[in-house]
N, C-alpha and C. Protein backbone atom coordinates (compact mmCIF):
# COMPACT_ATOMS: atom_id res chain seq x y z
N MET A 1 -22.92 -7.97 -2.74
CA MET A 1 -21.49 -7.73 -2.59
C MET A 1 -20.91 -7.22 -3.91
N ALA A 2 -20.03 -6.28 -3.82
CA ALA A 2 -19.42 -5.69 -5.01
C ALA A 2 -18.53 -6.71 -5.71
N ALA A 3 -18.38 -6.53 -7.01
CA ALA A 3 -17.52 -7.41 -7.80
C ALA A 3 -16.07 -7.24 -7.37
N LYS A 4 -15.31 -8.33 -7.52
CA LYS A 4 -13.88 -8.25 -7.20
C LYS A 4 -13.19 -7.27 -8.11
N LYS A 5 -12.31 -6.49 -7.52
CA LYS A 5 -11.53 -5.53 -8.28
C LYS A 5 -10.27 -6.22 -8.79
N ARG A 6 -9.74 -5.73 -9.89
CA ARG A 6 -8.51 -6.27 -10.47
C ARG A 6 -7.41 -5.22 -10.31
N ILE A 7 -6.32 -5.62 -9.68
CA ILE A 7 -5.21 -4.70 -9.42
C ILE A 7 -3.93 -5.32 -9.97
N TYR A 8 -3.13 -4.50 -10.65
CA TYR A 8 -1.79 -4.91 -11.05
C TYR A 8 -0.78 -4.12 -10.24
N VAL A 9 0.18 -4.83 -9.67
CA VAL A 9 1.29 -4.20 -8.96
C VAL A 9 2.52 -4.45 -9.82
N CYS A 10 3.20 -3.37 -10.19
CA CYS A 10 4.33 -3.55 -11.09
C CYS A 10 5.59 -2.87 -10.58
N CYS A 11 6.70 -3.44 -11.02
CA CYS A 11 8.03 -2.88 -10.73
C CYS A 11 8.92 -3.23 -11.92
N GLY A 12 10.17 -2.90 -11.81
CA GLY A 12 11.09 -3.11 -12.92
C GLY A 12 11.17 -4.55 -13.40
N THR A 13 11.23 -5.50 -12.46
CA THR A 13 11.37 -6.91 -12.84
C THR A 13 10.09 -7.71 -12.66
N GLY A 14 9.11 -7.16 -11.95
CA GLY A 14 7.88 -7.90 -11.67
C GLY A 14 8.07 -8.93 -10.59
N ILE A 15 9.18 -8.85 -9.85
CA ILE A 15 9.46 -9.86 -8.82
C ILE A 15 9.61 -9.23 -7.44
N ALA A 16 10.72 -8.60 -7.17
CA ALA A 16 11.09 -8.21 -5.81
C ALA A 16 10.20 -7.13 -5.20
N THR A 17 10.30 -5.94 -5.70
CA THR A 17 9.57 -4.82 -5.11
C THR A 17 8.06 -5.04 -5.20
N SER A 18 7.59 -5.54 -6.34
CA SER A 18 6.15 -5.74 -6.50
C SER A 18 5.63 -6.80 -5.54
N THR A 19 6.46 -7.77 -5.16
CA THR A 19 6.03 -8.79 -4.19
C THR A 19 5.78 -8.15 -2.83
N VAL A 20 6.69 -7.31 -2.39
CA VAL A 20 6.54 -6.63 -1.10
C VAL A 20 5.30 -5.75 -1.12
N ILE A 21 5.15 -4.95 -2.16
CA ILE A 21 3.99 -4.07 -2.25
C ILE A 21 2.70 -4.89 -2.32
N SER A 22 2.68 -5.95 -3.10
CA SER A 22 1.48 -6.79 -3.23
C SER A 22 1.04 -7.35 -1.89
N LYS A 23 1.99 -7.85 -1.11
CA LYS A 23 1.63 -8.43 0.20
C LYS A 23 1.02 -7.36 1.11
N LYS A 24 1.62 -6.18 1.12
CA LYS A 24 1.11 -5.11 1.99
C LYS A 24 -0.24 -4.58 1.51
N VAL A 25 -0.42 -4.48 0.20
CA VAL A 25 -1.71 -4.05 -0.33
C VAL A 25 -2.77 -5.10 -0.02
N ASN A 26 -2.44 -6.36 -0.17
CA ASN A 26 -3.38 -7.43 0.12
C ASN A 26 -3.83 -7.38 1.58
N GLU A 27 -2.90 -7.17 2.50
CA GLU A 27 -3.25 -7.04 3.92
C GLU A 27 -4.19 -5.86 4.14
N MET A 28 -3.88 -4.74 3.52
CA MET A 28 -4.69 -3.54 3.66
C MET A 28 -6.10 -3.77 3.12
N LEU A 29 -6.21 -4.46 1.99
CA LEU A 29 -7.52 -4.74 1.40
C LEU A 29 -8.35 -5.64 2.32
N LYS A 30 -7.72 -6.65 2.90
CA LYS A 30 -8.43 -7.53 3.83
C LYS A 30 -8.92 -6.76 5.04
N GLU A 31 -8.08 -5.88 5.58
CA GLU A 31 -8.47 -5.06 6.74
C GLU A 31 -9.66 -4.17 6.42
N ASN A 32 -9.80 -3.80 5.16
CA ASN A 32 -10.88 -2.90 4.74
C ASN A 32 -12.01 -3.62 4.00
N ASN A 33 -12.00 -4.96 4.06
CA ASN A 33 -13.04 -5.79 3.44
C ASN A 33 -13.27 -5.46 1.97
N ILE A 34 -12.18 -5.34 1.23
CA ILE A 34 -12.25 -5.08 -0.21
C ILE A 34 -11.77 -6.33 -0.93
N ALA A 35 -12.63 -6.90 -1.76
CA ALA A 35 -12.27 -8.10 -2.53
C ALA A 35 -11.54 -7.69 -3.79
N ALA A 36 -10.35 -8.25 -3.99
CA ALA A 36 -9.57 -7.90 -5.18
C ALA A 36 -8.65 -9.04 -5.57
N ASP A 37 -8.41 -9.14 -6.86
CA ASP A 37 -7.39 -10.04 -7.39
C ASP A 37 -6.17 -9.18 -7.68
N ILE A 38 -5.05 -9.54 -7.06
CA ILE A 38 -3.81 -8.78 -7.27
C ILE A 38 -2.85 -9.64 -8.08
N SER A 39 -2.34 -9.06 -9.16
CA SER A 39 -1.34 -9.73 -9.98
C SER A 39 -0.12 -8.82 -10.07
N GLN A 40 1.02 -9.43 -10.33
CA GLN A 40 2.26 -8.67 -10.46
C GLN A 40 2.73 -8.72 -11.91
N CYS A 41 3.42 -7.66 -12.31
CA CYS A 41 3.99 -7.64 -13.66
C CYS A 41 5.14 -6.63 -13.69
N ARG A 42 5.87 -6.66 -14.80
CA ARG A 42 6.92 -5.67 -15.02
C ARG A 42 6.29 -4.39 -15.56
N ILE A 43 6.92 -3.28 -15.29
CA ILE A 43 6.41 -2.00 -15.79
C ILE A 43 6.28 -2.04 -17.31
N THR A 44 7.19 -2.73 -17.99
CA THR A 44 7.14 -2.81 -19.45
C THR A 44 5.92 -3.58 -19.95
N GLU A 45 5.26 -4.36 -19.09
CA GLU A 45 4.08 -5.14 -19.49
C GLU A 45 2.76 -4.41 -19.23
N VAL A 46 2.82 -3.29 -18.54
CA VAL A 46 1.60 -2.62 -18.08
C VAL A 46 0.66 -2.25 -19.23
N VAL A 47 1.18 -1.70 -20.30
CA VAL A 47 0.31 -1.25 -21.40
C VAL A 47 -0.49 -2.43 -21.96
N SER A 48 0.16 -3.55 -22.21
CA SER A 48 -0.57 -4.69 -22.77
C SER A 48 -1.56 -5.28 -21.75
N LYS A 49 -1.22 -5.27 -20.47
CA LYS A 49 -2.14 -5.76 -19.43
C LYS A 49 -3.38 -4.88 -19.37
N VAL A 50 -3.19 -3.57 -19.45
CA VAL A 50 -4.33 -2.65 -19.41
C VAL A 50 -5.23 -2.86 -20.63
N GLN A 51 -4.63 -3.05 -21.79
CA GLN A 51 -5.41 -3.23 -23.01
C GLN A 51 -6.22 -4.52 -22.99
N THR A 52 -5.64 -5.60 -22.47
CA THR A 52 -6.32 -6.89 -22.53
C THR A 52 -7.19 -7.18 -21.31
N LEU A 53 -6.79 -6.73 -20.14
CA LEU A 53 -7.48 -7.15 -18.92
C LEU A 53 -8.23 -6.04 -18.19
N LYS A 54 -8.08 -4.80 -18.62
CA LYS A 54 -8.82 -3.68 -18.05
C LYS A 54 -8.85 -3.67 -16.51
N PRO A 55 -7.70 -3.53 -15.87
CA PRO A 55 -7.69 -3.53 -14.40
C PRO A 55 -8.36 -2.28 -13.84
N ASP A 56 -8.74 -2.36 -12.57
CA ASP A 56 -9.35 -1.22 -11.89
C ASP A 56 -8.30 -0.25 -11.37
N LEU A 57 -7.08 -0.76 -11.18
CA LEU A 57 -6.02 0.05 -10.58
C LEU A 57 -4.66 -0.54 -10.89
N ILE A 58 -3.68 0.34 -11.11
CA ILE A 58 -2.28 -0.05 -11.23
C ILE A 58 -1.55 0.58 -10.05
N ILE A 59 -0.78 -0.23 -9.34
CA ILE A 59 0.09 0.29 -8.28
C ILE A 59 1.51 -0.03 -8.72
N SER A 60 2.33 1.01 -8.83
CA SER A 60 3.67 0.84 -9.37
C SER A 60 4.72 1.30 -8.37
N SER A 61 5.88 0.67 -8.43
CA SER A 61 6.99 1.09 -7.57
C SER A 61 7.68 2.32 -8.15
N ALA A 62 7.41 2.63 -9.40
CA ALA A 62 8.04 3.77 -10.07
C ALA A 62 7.00 4.51 -10.90
N GLN A 63 7.34 5.69 -11.32
CA GLN A 63 6.47 6.50 -12.16
C GLN A 63 6.26 5.79 -13.50
N ILE A 64 5.02 5.72 -13.96
CA ILE A 64 4.72 5.17 -15.29
C ILE A 64 4.47 6.35 -16.21
N MET A 65 5.29 6.47 -17.24
CA MET A 65 5.22 7.63 -18.10
C MET A 65 4.24 7.46 -19.26
N THR A 66 3.68 6.29 -19.44
CA THR A 66 2.76 6.02 -20.53
C THR A 66 1.34 6.33 -20.10
N ASP A 67 0.55 6.87 -20.99
CA ASP A 67 -0.86 7.15 -20.71
C ASP A 67 -1.62 5.82 -20.74
N LEU A 68 -2.29 5.51 -19.63
CA LEU A 68 -3.04 4.27 -19.54
C LEU A 68 -4.54 4.51 -19.63
N GLY A 69 -4.91 5.60 -20.25
CA GLY A 69 -6.34 5.90 -20.42
C GLY A 69 -7.00 6.20 -19.09
N ASP A 70 -8.12 5.54 -18.85
CA ASP A 70 -8.87 5.84 -17.63
C ASP A 70 -8.50 4.92 -16.46
N VAL A 71 -7.43 4.14 -16.58
CA VAL A 71 -7.00 3.28 -15.47
C VAL A 71 -6.12 4.11 -14.53
N PRO A 72 -6.56 4.25 -13.27
CA PRO A 72 -5.76 5.04 -12.33
C PRO A 72 -4.45 4.34 -11.97
N VAL A 73 -3.41 5.16 -11.77
CA VAL A 73 -2.09 4.66 -11.39
C VAL A 73 -1.68 5.33 -10.09
N ILE A 74 -1.25 4.53 -9.14
CA ILE A 74 -0.75 5.04 -7.87
C ILE A 74 0.68 4.55 -7.71
N VAL A 75 1.58 5.45 -7.31
CA VAL A 75 2.94 5.04 -6.99
C VAL A 75 2.91 4.48 -5.57
N GLY A 76 3.30 3.21 -5.45
CA GLY A 76 3.16 2.50 -4.17
C GLY A 76 4.41 2.47 -3.31
N ARG A 77 5.36 3.38 -3.55
CA ARG A 77 6.58 3.39 -2.76
C ARG A 77 6.32 3.53 -1.27
N ALA A 78 5.18 4.11 -0.91
CA ALA A 78 4.85 4.30 0.51
C ALA A 78 4.76 2.96 1.24
N PHE A 79 4.45 1.89 0.53
CA PHE A 79 4.39 0.57 1.15
C PHE A 79 5.79 0.03 1.45
N LEU A 80 6.80 0.62 0.83
CA LEU A 80 8.19 0.23 1.08
C LEU A 80 8.83 1.12 2.14
N THR A 81 8.51 2.42 2.08
CA THR A 81 9.18 3.38 2.96
C THR A 81 8.38 3.74 4.20
N GLY A 82 7.05 3.59 4.12
CA GLY A 82 6.19 4.00 5.22
C GLY A 82 5.82 5.48 5.15
N VAL A 83 6.49 6.25 4.28
CA VAL A 83 6.23 7.67 4.16
C VAL A 83 4.90 7.89 3.43
N ASN A 84 3.99 8.62 4.06
CA ASN A 84 2.66 8.91 3.50
C ASN A 84 1.84 7.66 3.20
N LYS A 85 2.11 6.58 3.93
CA LYS A 85 1.43 5.32 3.66
C LYS A 85 -0.09 5.43 3.81
N GLN A 86 -0.55 6.08 4.88
CA GLN A 86 -1.99 6.19 5.07
C GLN A 86 -2.65 6.99 3.96
N GLN A 87 -1.97 7.99 3.47
CA GLN A 87 -2.50 8.79 2.36
C GLN A 87 -2.67 7.91 1.11
N VAL A 88 -1.70 7.07 0.84
CA VAL A 88 -1.77 6.17 -0.33
C VAL A 88 -2.88 5.14 -0.12
N ILE A 89 -3.00 4.61 1.09
CA ILE A 89 -4.08 3.66 1.40
C ILE A 89 -5.43 4.32 1.15
N ASN A 90 -5.59 5.55 1.61
CA ASN A 90 -6.85 6.27 1.41
C ASN A 90 -7.16 6.45 -0.08
N GLN A 91 -6.13 6.75 -0.88
CA GLN A 91 -6.33 6.90 -2.32
C GLN A 91 -6.79 5.58 -2.94
N ILE A 92 -6.17 4.47 -2.53
CA ILE A 92 -6.53 3.15 -3.07
C ILE A 92 -7.97 2.82 -2.72
N ILE A 93 -8.34 3.02 -1.47
CA ILE A 93 -9.71 2.73 -1.04
C ILE A 93 -10.72 3.57 -1.82
N GLU A 94 -10.39 4.85 -2.00
CA GLU A 94 -11.29 5.75 -2.73
C GLU A 94 -11.48 5.29 -4.17
N ILE A 95 -10.39 4.90 -4.83
CA ILE A 95 -10.47 4.44 -6.21
C ILE A 95 -11.28 3.16 -6.32
N LEU A 96 -11.04 2.22 -5.42
CA LEU A 96 -11.71 0.92 -5.50
C LEU A 96 -13.17 0.99 -5.06
N ALA A 97 -13.55 2.05 -4.36
CA ALA A 97 -14.94 2.20 -3.91
C ALA A 97 -15.86 2.63 -5.06
N LYS A 98 -15.27 3.09 -6.17
CA LYS A 98 -16.07 3.56 -7.31
C LYS A 98 -16.71 2.42 -8.06
């Protein structure tokens, strides 16, 4: 079995929007049999989280303008709006399959 993936879901406060996105991503991961630890944080904390914990993926409610090196970033607004949701799910699965 593959190692658990580490995902950070971030938004402005690390509370409201990221909670909704986290729950929906967690459901999607279970449906696709992908083991992952999901944590939430504020967008302002992302750089330090990437440096110390080396996540496999960042899912953000907003655009992250900072270069996070080789850590992929996906804007997860589709989990809030439903627009292009399957496309975003496919991107997440593709990234985590690596």
